[in-house]
Amino acid sequence: IAFARAQLGEPYRWGAAGPQAWDCSGLTMGAWGAGGRALPHYSVAQYQQSTAIAASALRPGDLVFWGSSKTPTSIFHVALYIGDGQIIHAPRTGRPVSQESMYYWTPPTFFARP
């Protein structure tokens, strides 16, 4: 979480994995990498290589995902859960890495623990 917090305000760039710009899976990959756990740079693969959990089981450091259906292969966004319903993520072009409610947009569809 400390790694992700240190990136707040840095720009989003598709395919970026730092150190000066991030996409969503690049940021979560970097955060978990700083903690000693390797994750791939692809949100679907991050979900597939983690343990699925219920939203009620979320702990700081877990991953929160958005998909376009109930199928994990539809995942298109990932964020780092930091507690109290908050996430840190690299949202999209034009928006920097930010902290906000995990319900800031549309409810997330998947949750996992690397």
PDB file of N, CA and C in Angstrom:
ATOM      1  N   ILE A   1       0.837  -1.195   0.000  1.00  0.00           N
ATOM      2  CA  ILE A   1       0.000   0.000   0.000  1.00  0.00           C
ATOM      3  C   ILE A   1       0.872   1.245   0.000  1.00  0.00           C
ATOM      4  N   ALA A   2       1.968   1.217   0.740  1.00  0.00           N
ATOM      5  CA  ALA A   2       2.862   2.375   0.777  1.00  0.00           C
ATOM      6  C   ALA A   2       3.409   2.677  -0.622  1.00  0.00           C
ATOM      7  N   PHE A   3       3.726   1.625  -1.375  1.00  0.00           N
ATOM      8  CA  PHE A   3       4.205   1.821  -2.738  1.00  0.00           C
ATOM      9  C   PHE A   3       3.141   2.534  -3.580  1.00  0.00           C
ATOM     10  N   ALA A   4       1.919   2.064  -3.520  1.00  0.00           N
ATOM     11  CA  ALA A   4       0.835   2.669  -4.308  1.00  0.00           C
ATOM     12  C   ALA A   4       0.593   4.114  -3.880  1.00  0.00           C
ATOM     13  N   ARG A   5       0.617   4.373  -2.586  1.00  0.00           N
ATOM     14  CA  ARG A   5       0.427   5.755  -2.103  1.00  0.00           C
ATOM     15  C   ARG A   5       1.504   6.686  -2.654  1.00  0.00           C
ATOM     16  N   ALA A   6       2.715   6.180  -2.772  1.00  0.00           N
ATOM     17  CA  ALA A   6       3.817   7.003  -3.282  1.00  0.00           C
ATOM     18  C   ALA A   6       3.629   7.368  -4.755  1.00  0.00           C
ATOM     19  N   GLN A   7       2.733   6.676  -5.461  1.00  0.00           N
ATOM     20  CA  GLN A   7       2.489   6.966  -6.882  1.00  0.00           C
ATOM     21  C   GLN A   7       1.308   7.920  -7.093  1.00  0.00           C
ATOM     22  N   LEU A   8       0.605   8.281  -6.025  1.00  0.00           N
ATOM     23  CA  LEU A   8      -0.553   9.173  -6.158  1.00  0.00           C
ATOM     24  C   LEU A   8      -0.169  10.431  -6.937  1.00  0.00           C
ATOM     25  N   GLY A   9      -0.993  10.777  -7.907  1.00  0.00           N
ATOM     26  CA  GLY A   9      -0.753  11.959  -8.727  1.00  0.00           C
ATOM     27  C   GLY A   9       0.037  11.699  -9.995  1.00  0.00           C
ATOM     28  N   GLU A  10       0.667  10.522 -10.102  1.00  0.00           N
ATOM     29  CA  GLU A  10       1.419  10.221 -11.323  1.00  0.00           C
ATOM     30  C   GLU A  10       0.445   9.918 -12.455  1.00  0.00           C
ATOM     31  N   PRO A  11       0.831  10.176 -13.698  1.00  0.00           N
ATOM     32  CA  PRO A  11      -0.105  10.027 -14.809  1.00  0.00           C
ATOM     33  C   PRO A  11      -0.410   8.583 -15.182  1.00  0.00           C
ATOM     34  N   TYR A  12      -1.591   8.407 -15.773  1.00  0.00           N
ATOM     35  CA  TYR A  12      -1.983   7.138 -16.376  1.00  0.00           C
ATOM     36  C   TYR A  12      -1.416   7.113 -17.794  1.00  0.00           C
ATOM     37  N   ARG A  13      -0.887   5.957 -18.174  1.00  0.00           N
ATOM     38  CA  ARG A  13      -0.507   5.720 -19.570  1.00  0.00           C
ATOM     39  C   ARG A  13      -0.728   4.246 -19.850  1.00  0.00           C
ATOM     40  N   TRP A  14      -1.505   3.933 -20.871  1.00  0.00           N
ATOM     41  CA  TRP A  14      -1.804   2.550 -21.211  1.00  0.00           C
ATOM     42  C   TRP A  14      -0.519   1.776 -21.421  1.00  0.00           C
ATOM     43  N   GLY A  15      -0.402   0.614 -20.786  1.00  0.00           N
ATOM     44  CA  GLY A  15       0.764  -0.246 -20.918  1.00  0.00           C
ATOM     45  C   GLY A  15       1.932   0.129 -20.023  1.00  0.00           C
ATOM     46  N   ALA A  16       1.798   1.195 -19.236  1.00  0.00           N
ATOM     47  CA  ALA A  16       2.907   1.671 -18.406  1.00  0.00           C
ATOM     48  C   ALA A  16       2.984   0.924 -17.078  1.00  0.00           C
ATOM     49  N   ALA A  17       4.210   0.697 -16.643  1.00  0.00           N
ATOM     50  CA  ALA A  17       4.454   0.036 -15.357  1.00  0.00           C
ATOM     51  C   ALA A  17       5.513   0.794 -14.579  1.00  0.00           C
ATOM     52  N   GLY A  18       5.430   2.119 -14.608  1.00  0.00           N
ATOM     53  CA  GLY A  18       6.330   2.968 -13.847  1.00  0.00           C
ATOM     54  C   GLY A  18       7.665   3.181 -14.528  1.00  0.00           C
ATOM     55  N   PRO A  19       8.533   3.949 -13.944  1.00  0.00           N
ATOM     56  CA  PRO A  19       8.344   4.584 -12.639  1.00  0.00           C
ATOM     57  C   PRO A  19       7.638   5.935 -12.676  1.00  0.00           C
ATOM     58  N   GLN A  20       7.337   6.482 -13.862  1.00  0.00           N
ATOM     59  CA  GLN A  20       6.733   7.817 -13.903  1.00  0.00           C
ATOM     60  C   GLN A  20       5.312   7.839 -14.451  1.00  0.00           C
ATOM     61  N   ALA A  21       4.799   6.703 -14.908  1.00  0.00           N
ATOM     62  CA  ALA A  21       3.421   6.595 -15.393  1.00  0.00           C
ATOM     63  C   ALA A  21       2.973   5.152 -15.182  1.00  0.00           C
ATOM     64  N   TRP A  22       1.652   4.972 -15.093  1.00  0.00           N
ATOM     65  CA  TRP A  22       1.092   3.656 -14.748  1.00  0.00           C
ATOM     66  C   TRP A  22      -0.187   3.393 -15.495  1.00  0.00           C
ATOM     67  N   ASP A  23      -0.443   2.114 -15.775  1.00  0.00           N
ATOM     68  CA  ASP A  23      -1.800   1.697 -16.103  1.00  0.00           C
ATOM     69  C   ASP A  23      -2.276   0.898 -14.899  1.00  0.00           C
ATOM     70  N   CYS A  24      -3.525   0.447 -14.924  1.00  0.00           N
ATOM     71  CA  CYS A  24      -4.083  -0.160 -13.713  1.00  0.00           C
ATOM     72  C   CYS A  24      -3.320  -1.396 -13.260  1.00  0.00           C
ATOM     73  N   SER A  25      -3.054  -2.321 -14.169  1.00  0.00           N
ATOM     74  CA  SER A  25      -2.370  -3.552 -13.755  1.00  0.00           C
ATOM     75  C   SER A  25      -0.883  -3.321 -13.518  1.00  0.00           C
ATOM     76  N   GLY A  26      -0.313  -2.317 -14.162  1.00  0.00           N
ATOM     77  CA  GLY A  26       1.085  -1.971 -13.887  1.00  0.00           C
ATOM     78  C   GLY A  26       1.260  -1.475 -12.464  1.00  0.00           C
ATOM     79  N   LEU A  27       0.282  -0.697 -11.995  1.00  0.00           N
ATOM     80  CA  LEU A  27       0.334  -0.185 -10.626  1.00  0.00           C
ATOM     81  C   LEU A  27       0.186  -1.306  -9.604  1.00  0.00           C
ATOM     82  N   THR A  28      -0.786  -2.192  -9.797  1.00  0.00           N
ATOM     83  CA  THR A  28      -0.953  -3.283  -8.837  1.00  0.00           C
ATOM     84  C   THR A  28       0.224  -4.257  -8.900  1.00  0.00           C
ATOM     85  N   MET A  29       0.763  -4.468 -10.097  1.00  0.00           N
ATOM     86  CA  MET A  29       1.955  -5.304 -10.242  1.00  0.00           C
ATOM     87  C   MET A  29       3.133  -4.689  -9.482  1.00  0.00           C
ATOM     88  N   GLY A  30       3.305  -3.383  -9.615  1.00  0.00           N
ATOM     89  CA  GLY A  30       4.387  -2.697  -8.910  1.00  0.00           C
ATOM     90  C   GLY A  30       4.210  -2.722  -7.403  1.00  0.00           C
ATOM     91  N   ALA A  31       2.987  -2.526  -6.944  1.00  0.00           N
ATOM     92  CA  ALA A  31       2.718  -2.521  -5.503  1.00  0.00           C
ATOM     93  C   ALA A  31       2.995  -3.890  -4.893  1.00  0.00           C
ATOM     94  N   TRP A  32       2.481  -4.935  -5.522  1.00  0.00           N
ATOM     95  CA  TRP A  32       2.729  -6.272  -4.997  1.00  0.00           C
ATOM     96  C   TRP A  32       4.187  -6.672  -5.176  1.00  0.00           C
ATOM     97  N   GLY A  33       4.815  -6.224  -6.253  1.00  0.00           N
ATOM     98  CA  GLY A  33       6.238  -6.502  -6.451  1.00  0.00           C
ATOM     99  C   GLY A  33       7.076  -5.889  -5.343  1.00  0.00           C
ATOM    100  N   ALA A  34       6.700  -4.689  -4.906  1.00  0.00           N
ATOM    101  CA  ALA A  34       7.418  -4.037  -3.803  1.00  0.00           C
ATOM    102  C   ALA A  34       7.273  -4.844  -2.517  1.00  0.00           C
ATOM    103  N   GLY A  35       6.191  -5.617  -2.433  1.00  0.00           N
ATOM    104  CA  GLY A  35       5.964  -6.468  -1.267  1.00  0.00           C
ATOM    105  C   GLY A  35       6.525  -7.872  -1.432  1.00  0.00           C
ATOM    106  N   GLY A  36       7.202  -8.117  -2.565  1.00  0.00           N
ATOM    107  CA  GLY A  36       7.849  -9.406  -2.767  1.00  0.00           C
ATOM    108  C   GLY A  36       7.024 -10.451  -3.499  1.00  0.00           C
ATOM    109  N   ARG A  37       5.880 -10.063  -4.055  1.00  0.00           N
ATOM    110  CA  ARG A  37       5.025 -11.025  -4.766  1.00  0.00           C
ATOM    111  C   ARG A  37       4.902 -10.595  -6.223  1.00  0.00           C
ATOM    112  N   ALA A  38       5.345 -11.433  -7.132  1.00  0.00           N
ATOM    113  CA  ALA A  38       5.281 -11.120  -8.561  1.00  0.00           C
ATOM    114  C   ALA A  38       3.877 -11.355  -9.103  1.00  0.00           C
ATOM    115  N   LEU A  39       3.371 -10.386  -9.837  1.00  0.00           N
ATOM    116  CA  LEU A  39       2.102 -10.510 -10.544  1.00  0.00           C
ATOM    117  C   LEU A  39       2.349 -10.160 -12.006  1.00  0.00           C
ATOM    118  N   PRO A  40       1.574 -10.735 -12.920  1.00  0.00           N
ATOM    119  CA  PRO A  40       1.714 -10.376 -14.335  1.00  0.00           C
ATOM    120  C   PRO A  40       1.148  -8.983 -14.604  1.00  0.00           C
ATOM    121  N   HIS A  41       1.519  -8.419 -15.734  1.00  0.00           N
ATOM    122  CA  HIS A  41       1.038  -7.088 -16.119  1.00  0.00           C
ATOM    123  C   HIS A  41      -0.198  -7.232 -17.011  1.00  0.00           C
ATOM    124  N   TYR A  42      -1.254  -7.809 -16.443  1.00  0.00           N
ATOM    125  CA  TYR A  42      -2.515  -8.000 -17.157  1.00  0.00           C
ATOM    126  C   TYR A  42      -3.566  -8.310 -16.105  1.00  0.00           C
ATOM    127  N   SER A  43      -4.627  -7.514 -16.060  1.00  0.00           N
ATOM    128  CA  SER A  43      -5.607  -7.646 -14.980  1.00  0.00           C
ATOM    129  C   SER A  43      -6.280  -9.024 -14.932  1.00  0.00           C
ATOM    130  N   VAL A  44      -6.619  -9.601 -16.076  1.00  0.00           N
ATOM    131  CA  VAL A  44      -7.245 -10.928 -16.075  1.00  0.00           C
ATOM    132  C   VAL A  44      -6.291 -11.952 -15.468  1.00  0.00           C
ATOM    133  N   ALA A  45      -5.020 -11.908 -15.865  1.00  0.00           N
ATOM    134  CA  ALA A  45      -4.027 -12.848 -15.338  1.00  0.00           C
ATOM    135  C   ALA A  45      -3.794 -12.627 -13.846  1.00  0.00           C
ATOM    136  N   GLN A  46      -3.853 -11.377 -13.383  1.00  0.00           N
ATOM    137  CA  GLN A  46      -3.710 -11.119 -11.945  1.00  0.00           C
ATOM    138  C   GLN A  46      -4.840 -11.799 -11.178  1.00  0.00           C
ATOM    139  N   TYR A  47      -6.041 -11.730 -11.708  1.00  0.00           N
ATOM    140  CA  TYR A  47      -7.170 -12.400 -11.060  1.00  0.00           C
ATOM    141  C   TYR A  47      -6.977 -13.916 -11.092  1.00  0.00           C
ATOM    142  N   GLN A  48      -6.589 -14.431 -12.235  1.00  0.00           N
ATOM    143  CA  GLN A  48      -6.440 -15.877 -12.389  1.00  0.00           C
ATOM    144  C   GLN A  48      -5.335 -16.447 -11.504  1.00  0.00           C
ATOM    145  N   GLN A  49      -4.316 -15.647 -11.196  1.00  0.00           N
ATOM    146  CA  GLN A  49      -3.214 -16.126 -10.369  1.00  0.00           C
ATOM    147  C   GLN A  49      -3.411 -15.817  -8.893  1.00  0.00           C
ATOM    148  N   SER A  50      -4.572 -15.298  -8.540  1.00  0.00           N
ATOM    149  CA  SER A  50      -4.887 -14.968  -7.156  1.00  0.00           C
ATOM    150  C   SER A  50      -6.026 -15.861  -6.677  1.00  0.00           C
ATOM    151  N   THR A  51      -6.357 -15.740  -5.403  1.00  0.00           N
ATOM    152  CA  THR A  51      -7.450 -16.505  -4.822  1.00  0.00           C
ATOM    153  C   THR A  51      -8.692 -15.630  -4.776  1.00  0.00           C
ATOM    154  N   ALA A  52      -9.745 -16.051  -5.437  1.00  0.00           N
ATOM    155  CA  ALA A  52     -10.997 -15.293  -5.424  1.00  0.00           C
ATOM    156  C   ALA A  52     -11.545 -15.225  -4.000  1.00  0.00           C
ATOM    157  N   ILE A  53     -12.056 -14.063  -3.627  1.00  0.00           N
ATOM    158  CA  ILE A  53     -12.654 -13.850  -2.307  1.00  0.00           C
ATOM    159  C   ILE A  53     -13.954 -13.066  -2.481  1.00  0.00           C
ATOM    160  N   ALA A  54     -14.745 -13.024  -1.430  1.00  0.00           N
ATOM    161  CA  ALA A  54     -15.965 -12.215  -1.424  1.00  0.00           C
ATOM    162  C   ALA A  54     -15.611 -10.785  -1.036  1.00  0.00           C
ATOM    163  N   ALA A  55     -16.433  -9.842  -1.443  1.00  0.00           N
ATOM    164  CA  ALA A  55     -16.213  -8.441  -1.072  1.00  0.00           C
ATOM    165  C   ALA A  55     -16.144  -8.290   0.445  1.00  0.00           C
ATOM    166  N   SER A  56     -16.925  -9.066   1.158  1.00  0.00           N
ATOM    167  CA  SER A  56     -16.954  -8.982   2.626  1.00  0.00           C
ATOM    168  C   SER A  56     -15.648  -9.452   3.264  1.00  0.00           C
ATOM    169  N   ALA A  57     -14.809 -10.147   2.509  1.00  0.00           N
ATOM    170  CA  ALA A  57     -13.535 -10.655   3.030  1.00  0.00           C
ATOM    171  C   ALA A  57     -12.359  -9.744   2.700  1.00  0.00           C
ATOM    172  N   LEU A  58     -12.595  -8.629   2.014  1.00  0.00           N
ATOM    173  CA  LEU A  58     -11.496  -7.755   1.599  1.00  0.00           C
ATOM    174  C   LEU A  58     -10.645  -7.292   2.775  1.00  0.00           C
ATOM    175  N   ARG A  59      -9.328  -7.339   2.565  1.00  0.00           N
ATOM    176  CA  ARG A  59      -8.346  -6.805   3.506  1.00  0.00           C
ATOM    177  C   ARG A  59      -7.439  -5.859   2.740  1.00  0.00           C
ATOM    178  N   PRO A  60      -6.827  -4.900   3.430  1.00  0.00           N
ATOM    179  CA  PRO A  60      -5.894  -4.014   2.738  1.00  0.00           C
ATOM    180  C   PRO A  60      -4.837  -4.813   1.967  1.00  0.00           C
ATOM    181  N   GLY A  61      -4.634  -4.419   0.710  1.00  0.00           N
ATOM    182  CA  GLY A  61      -3.695  -5.091  -0.170  1.00  0.00           C
ATOM    183  C   GLY A  61      -4.356  -6.015  -1.171  1.00  0.00           C
ATOM    184  N   ASP A  62      -5.610  -6.385  -0.920  1.00  0.00           N
ATOM    185  CA  ASP A  62      -6.322  -7.236  -1.867  1.00  0.00           C
ATOM    186  C   ASP A  62      -6.590  -6.472  -3.157  1.00  0.00           C
ATOM    187  N   LEU A  63      -6.984  -7.208  -4.192  1.00  0.00           N
ATOM    188  CA  LEU A  63      -7.254  -6.614  -5.494  1.00  0.00           C
ATOM    189  C   LEU A  63      -8.752  -6.579  -5.758  1.00  0.00           C
ATOM    190  N   VAL A  64      -9.193  -5.489  -6.356  1.00  0.00           N
ATOM    191  CA  VAL A  64     -10.584  -5.261  -6.716  1.00  0.00           C
ATOM    192  C   VAL A  64     -10.635  -5.128  -8.233  1.00  0.00           C
ATOM    193  N   PHE A  65     -11.558  -5.844  -8.873  1.00  0.00           N
ATOM    194  CA  PHE A  65     -11.615  -5.890 -10.332  1.00  0.00           C
ATOM    195  C   PHE A  65     -12.990  -5.476 -10.852  1.00  0.00           C
ATOM    196  N   TRP A  66     -12.985  -4.926 -12.065  1.00  0.00           N
ATOM    197  CA  TRP A  66     -14.207  -4.605 -12.780  1.00  0.00           C
ATOM    198  C   TRP A  66     -14.219  -5.399 -14.075  1.00  0.00           C
ATOM    199  N   GLY A  67     -15.351  -6.016 -14.359  1.00  0.00           N
ATOM    200  CA  GLY A  67     -15.526  -6.767 -15.596  1.00  0.00           C
ATOM    201  C   GLY A  67     -16.840  -6.384 -16.244  1.00  0.00           C
ATOM    202  N   SER A  68     -16.981  -6.718 -17.503  1.00  0.00           N
ATOM    203  CA  SER A  68     -18.208  -6.375 -18.233  1.00  0.00           C
ATOM    204  C   SER A  68     -19.256  -7.477 -18.154  1.00  0.00           C
ATOM    205  N   SER A  69     -18.923  -8.591 -17.491  1.00  0.00           N
ATOM    206  CA  SER A  69     -19.878  -9.682 -17.296  1.00  0.00           C
ATOM    207  C   SER A  69     -19.480 -10.447 -16.033  1.00  0.00           C
ATOM    208  N   LYS A  70     -20.128 -11.548 -15.781  1.00  0.00           N
ATOM    209  CA  LYS A  70     -19.796 -12.371 -14.611  1.00  0.00           C
ATOM    210  C   LYS A  70     -18.671 -13.355 -14.902  1.00  0.00           C
ATOM    211  N   THR A  71     -18.057 -13.224 -16.060  1.00  0.00           N
ATOM    212  CA  THR A  71     -16.960 -14.094 -16.461  1.00  0.00           C
ATOM    213  C   THR A  71     -15.630 -13.370 -16.229  1.00  0.00           C
ATOM    214  N   PRO A  72     -14.685 -13.977 -15.504  1.00  0.00           N
ATOM    215  CA  PRO A  72     -13.421 -13.301 -15.227  1.00  0.00           C
ATOM    216  C   PRO A  72     -12.652 -12.829 -16.469  1.00  0.00           C
ATOM    217  N   THR A  73     -12.847 -13.484 -17.598  1.00  0.00           N
ATOM    218  CA  THR A  73     -12.144 -13.026 -18.806  1.00  0.00           C
ATOM    219  C   THR A  73     -12.644 -11.672 -19.299  1.00  0.00           C
ATOM    220  N   SER A  74     -13.739 -11.174 -18.714  1.00  0.00           N
ATOM    221  CA  SER A  74     -14.256  -9.851 -19.090  1.00  0.00           C
ATOM    222  C   SER A  74     -13.633  -8.720 -18.272  1.00  0.00           C
ATOM    223  N   ILE A  75     -12.729  -9.056 -17.352  1.00  0.00           N
ATOM    224  CA  ILE A  75     -12.107  -8.040 -16.487  1.00  0.00           C
ATOM    225  C   ILE A  75     -11.355  -7.023 -17.341  1.00  0.00           C
ATOM    226  N   PHE A  76     -11.585  -5.742 -17.020  1.00  0.00           N
ATOM    227  CA  PHE A  76     -10.920  -4.670 -17.758  1.00  0.00           C
ATOM    228  C   PHE A  76     -10.242  -3.641 -16.854  1.00  0.00           C
ATOM    229  N   HIS A  77     -10.378  -3.776 -15.527  1.00  0.00           N
ATOM    230  CA  HIS A  77      -9.748  -2.808 -14.616  1.00  0.00           C
ATOM    231  C   HIS A  77      -9.463  -3.486 -13.279  1.00  0.00           C
ATOM    232  N   VAL A  78      -8.362  -3.075 -12.653  1.00  0.00           N
ATOM    233  CA  VAL A  78      -7.973  -3.597 -11.342  1.00  0.00           C
ATOM    234  C   VAL A  78      -7.483  -2.441 -10.478  1.00  0.00           C
ATOM    235  N   ALA A  79      -7.717  -2.562  -9.174  1.00  0.00           N
ATOM    236  CA  ALA A  79      -7.280  -1.559  -8.206  1.00  0.00           C
ATOM    237  C   ALA A  79      -6.801  -2.260  -6.940  1.00  0.00           C
ATOM    238  N   LEU A  80      -6.055  -1.535  -6.131  1.00  0.00           N
ATOM    239  CA  LEU A  80      -5.543  -2.042  -4.861  1.00  0.00           C
ATOM    240  C   LEU A  80      -6.452  -1.561  -3.737  1.00  0.00           C
ATOM    241  N   TYR A  81      -7.019  -2.495  -2.994  1.00  0.00           N
ATOM    242  CA  TYR A  81      -7.871  -2.153  -1.865  1.00  0.00           C
ATOM    243  C   TYR A  81      -6.988  -1.707  -0.703  1.00  0.00           C
ATOM    244  N   ILE A  82      -7.350  -0.582  -0.059  1.00  0.00           N
ATOM    245  CA  ILE A  82      -6.525  -0.083   1.047  1.00  0.00           C
ATOM    246  C   ILE A  82      -7.281  -0.026   2.372  1.00  0.00           C
ATOM    247  N   GLY A  83      -8.538  -0.469   2.358  1.00  0.00           N
ATOM    248  CA  GLY A  83      -9.334  -0.478   3.583  1.00  0.00           C
ATOM    249  C   GLY A  83     -10.431   0.566   3.561  1.00  0.00           C
ATOM    250  N   ASP A  84     -11.428   0.382   4.415  1.00  0.00           N
ATOM    251  CA  ASP A  84     -12.542   1.327   4.567  1.00  0.00           C
ATOM    252  C   ASP A  84     -13.228   1.665   3.247  1.00  0.00           C
ATOM    253  N   GLY A  85     -13.328   0.684   2.341  1.00  0.00           N
ATOM    254  CA  GLY A  85     -14.010   0.905   1.078  1.00  0.00           C
ATOM    255  C   GLY A  85     -13.233   1.729   0.068  1.00  0.00           C
ATOM    256  N   GLN A  86     -11.957   1.979   0.344  1.00  0.00           N
ATOM    257  CA  GLN A  86     -11.121   2.828  -0.506  1.00  0.00           C
ATOM    258  C   GLN A  86     -10.151   1.995  -1.347  1.00  0.00           C
ATOM    259  N   ILE A  87      -9.828   2.521  -2.522  1.00  0.00           N
ATOM    260  CA  ILE A  87      -8.854   1.908  -3.414  1.00  0.00           C
ATOM    261  C   ILE A  87      -7.835   2.946  -3.864  1.00  0.00           C
ATOM    262  N   ILE A  88      -6.699   2.462  -4.323  1.00  0.00           N
ATOM    263  CA  ILE A  88      -5.750   3.277  -5.074  1.00  0.00           C
ATOM    264  C   ILE A  88      -5.658   2.604  -6.434  1.00  0.00           C
ATOM    265  N   HIS A  89      -5.778   3.425  -7.490  1.00  0.00           N
ATOM    266  CA  HIS A  89      -5.730   2.860  -8.838  1.00  0.00           C
ATOM    267  C   HIS A  89      -5.263   3.892  -9.850  1.00  0.00           C
ATOM    268  N   ALA A  90      -4.917   3.388 -11.024  1.00  0.00           N
ATOM    269  CA  ALA A  90      -4.606   4.218 -12.184  1.00  0.00           C
ATOM    270  C   ALA A  90      -5.850   4.136 -13.068  1.00  0.00           C
ATOM    271  N   PRO A  91      -6.751   5.119 -12.988  1.00  0.00           N
ATOM    272  CA  PRO A  91      -8.073   4.980 -13.576  1.00  0.00           C
ATOM    273  C   PRO A  91      -8.142   4.935 -15.102  1.00  0.00           C
ATOM    274  N   ARG A  92      -7.588   5.934 -15.774  1.00  0.00           N
ATOM    275  CA  ARG A  92      -7.706   5.997 -17.234  1.00  0.00           C
ATOM    276  C   ARG A  92      -6.930   7.202 -17.741  1.00  0.00           C
ATOM    277  N   THR A  93      -6.789   7.287 -19.043  1.00  0.00           N
ATOM    278  CA  THR A  93      -6.128   8.434 -19.660  1.00  0.00           C
ATOM    279  C   THR A  93      -6.793   9.720 -19.187  1.00  0.00           C
ATOM    280  N   GLY A  94      -5.987  10.686 -18.806  1.00  0.00           N
ATOM    281  CA  GLY A  94      -6.503  11.964 -18.340  1.00  0.00           C
ATOM    282  C   GLY A  94      -6.737  12.040 -16.850  1.00  0.00           C
ATOM    283  N   ARG A  95      -6.642  10.908 -16.158  1.00  0.00           N
ATOM    284  CA  ARG A  95      -6.801  10.892 -14.703  1.00  0.00           C
ATOM    285  C   ARG A  95      -5.577  10.247 -14.079  1.00  0.00           C
ATOM    286  N   PRO A  96      -4.919  10.910 -13.155  1.00  0.00           N
ATOM    287  CA  PRO A  96      -3.731  10.345 -12.525  1.00  0.00           C
ATOM    288  C   PRO A  96      -4.064   9.264 -11.500  1.00  0.00           C
ATOM    289  N   VAL A  97      -3.049   8.592 -11.034  1.00  0.00           N
ATOM    290  CA  VAL A  97      -3.204   7.620  -9.951  1.00  0.00           C
ATOM    291  C   VAL A  97      -3.902   8.340  -8.798  1.00  0.00           C
ATOM    292  N   SER A  98      -4.955   7.712  -8.277  1.00  0.00           N
ATOM    293  CA  SER A  98      -5.754   8.376  -7.257  1.00  0.00           C
ATOM    294  C   SER A  98      -6.295   7.395  -6.227  1.00  0.00           C
ATOM    295  N   GLN A  99      -6.726   7.969  -5.129  1.00  0.00           N
ATOM    296  CA  GLN A  99      -7.387   7.210  -4.071  1.00  0.00           C
ATOM    297  C   GLN A  99      -8.842   7.640  -4.059  1.00  0.00           C
ATOM    298  N   GLU A 100      -9.751   6.673  -4.033  1.00  0.00           N
ATOM    299  CA  GLU A 100     -11.168   6.985  -3.973  1.00  0.00           C
ATOM    300  C   GLU A 100     -11.964   5.765  -3.526  1.00  0.00           C
ATOM    301  N   SER A 101     -13.254   5.961  -3.383  1.00  0.00           N
ATOM    302  CA  SER A 101     -14.131   4.856  -3.011  1.00  0.00           C
ATOM    303  C   SER A 101     -14.108   3.790  -4.097  1.00  0.00           C
ATOM    304  N   MET A 102     -14.178   2.515  -3.703  1.00  0.00           N
ATOM    305  CA  MET A 102     -14.224   1.468  -4.722  1.00  0.00           C
ATOM    306  C   MET A 102     -15.564   1.480  -5.445  1.00  0.00           C
ATOM    307  N   TYR A 103     -16.499   2.285  -4.969  1.00  0.00           N
ATOM    308  CA  TYR A 103     -17.794   2.447  -5.634  1.00  0.00           C
ATOM    309  C   TYR A 103     -17.889   3.800  -6.349  1.00  0.00           C
ATOM    310  N   TYR A 104     -16.745   4.396  -6.658  1.00  0.00           N
ATOM    311  CA  TYR A 104     -16.695   5.720  -7.281  1.00  0.00           C
ATOM    312  C   TYR A 104     -17.394   5.746  -8.638  1.00  0.00           C
ATOM    313  N   TRP A 105     -17.508   4.623  -9.286  1.00  0.00           N
ATOM    314  CA  TRP A 105     -17.988   4.565 -10.666  1.00  0.00           C
ATOM    315  C   TRP A 105     -19.100   3.536 -10.755  1.00  0.00           C
ATOM    316  N   THR A 106     -18.784   2.327 -11.052  1.00  0.00           N
ATOM    317  CA  THR A 106     -19.743   1.228 -11.103  1.00  0.00           C
ATOM    318  C   THR A 106     -19.252   0.180 -10.116  1.00  0.00           C
ATOM    319  N   PRO A 107     -20.121  -0.559  -9.484  1.00  0.00           N
ATOM    320  CA  PRO A 107     -19.644  -1.529  -8.479  1.00  0.00           C
ATOM    321  C   PRO A 107     -18.667  -2.545  -9.077  1.00  0.00           C
ATOM    322  N   PRO A 108     -17.619  -2.872  -8.331  1.00  0.00           N
ATOM    323  CA  PRO A 108     -16.683  -3.887  -8.809  1.00  0.00           C
ATOM    324  C   PRO A 108     -17.359  -5.256  -8.882  1.00  0.00           C
ATOM    325  N   THR A 109     -16.798  -6.120  -9.719  1.00  0.00           N
ATOM    326  CA  THR A 109     -17.421  -7.427  -9.964  1.00  0.00           C
ATOM    327  C   THR A 109     -16.630  -8.616  -9.439  1.00  0.00           C
ATOM    328  N   PHE A 110     -15.343  -8.419  -9.158  1.00  0.00           N
ATOM    329  CA  PHE A 110     -14.488  -9.512  -8.686  1.00  0.00           C
ATOM    330  C   PHE A 110     -13.540  -8.990  -7.627  1.00  0.00           C
ATOM    331  N   PHE A 111     -13.128  -9.888  -6.732  1.00  0.00           N
ATOM    332  CA  PHE A 111     -12.209  -9.565  -5.646  1.00  0.00           C
ATOM    333  C   PHE A 111     -11.251 -10.739  -5.483  1.00  0.00           C
ATOM    334  N   ALA A 112      -9.986 -10.445  -5.204  1.00  0.00           N
ATOM    335  CA  ALA A 112      -9.023 -11.537  -5.070  1.00  0.00           C
ATOM    336  C   ALA A 112      -7.867 -11.149  -4.166  1.00  0.00           C
ATOM    337  N   ARG A 113      -7.222 -12.179  -3.642  1.00  0.00           N
ATOM    338  CA  ARG A 113      -6.055 -12.006  -2.772  1.00  0.00           C
ATOM    339  C   ARG A 113      -4.869 -12.723  -3.432  1.00  0.00           C
ATOM    340  N   PRO A 114      -3.844 -11.927  -3.817  1.00  0.00           N
ATOM    341  CA  PRO A 114      -2.650 -12.566  -4.434  1.00  0.00           C
ATOM    342  C   PRO A 114      -1.932 -13.500  -3.478  1.00  0.00           C
TER     343      PRO A 114
END
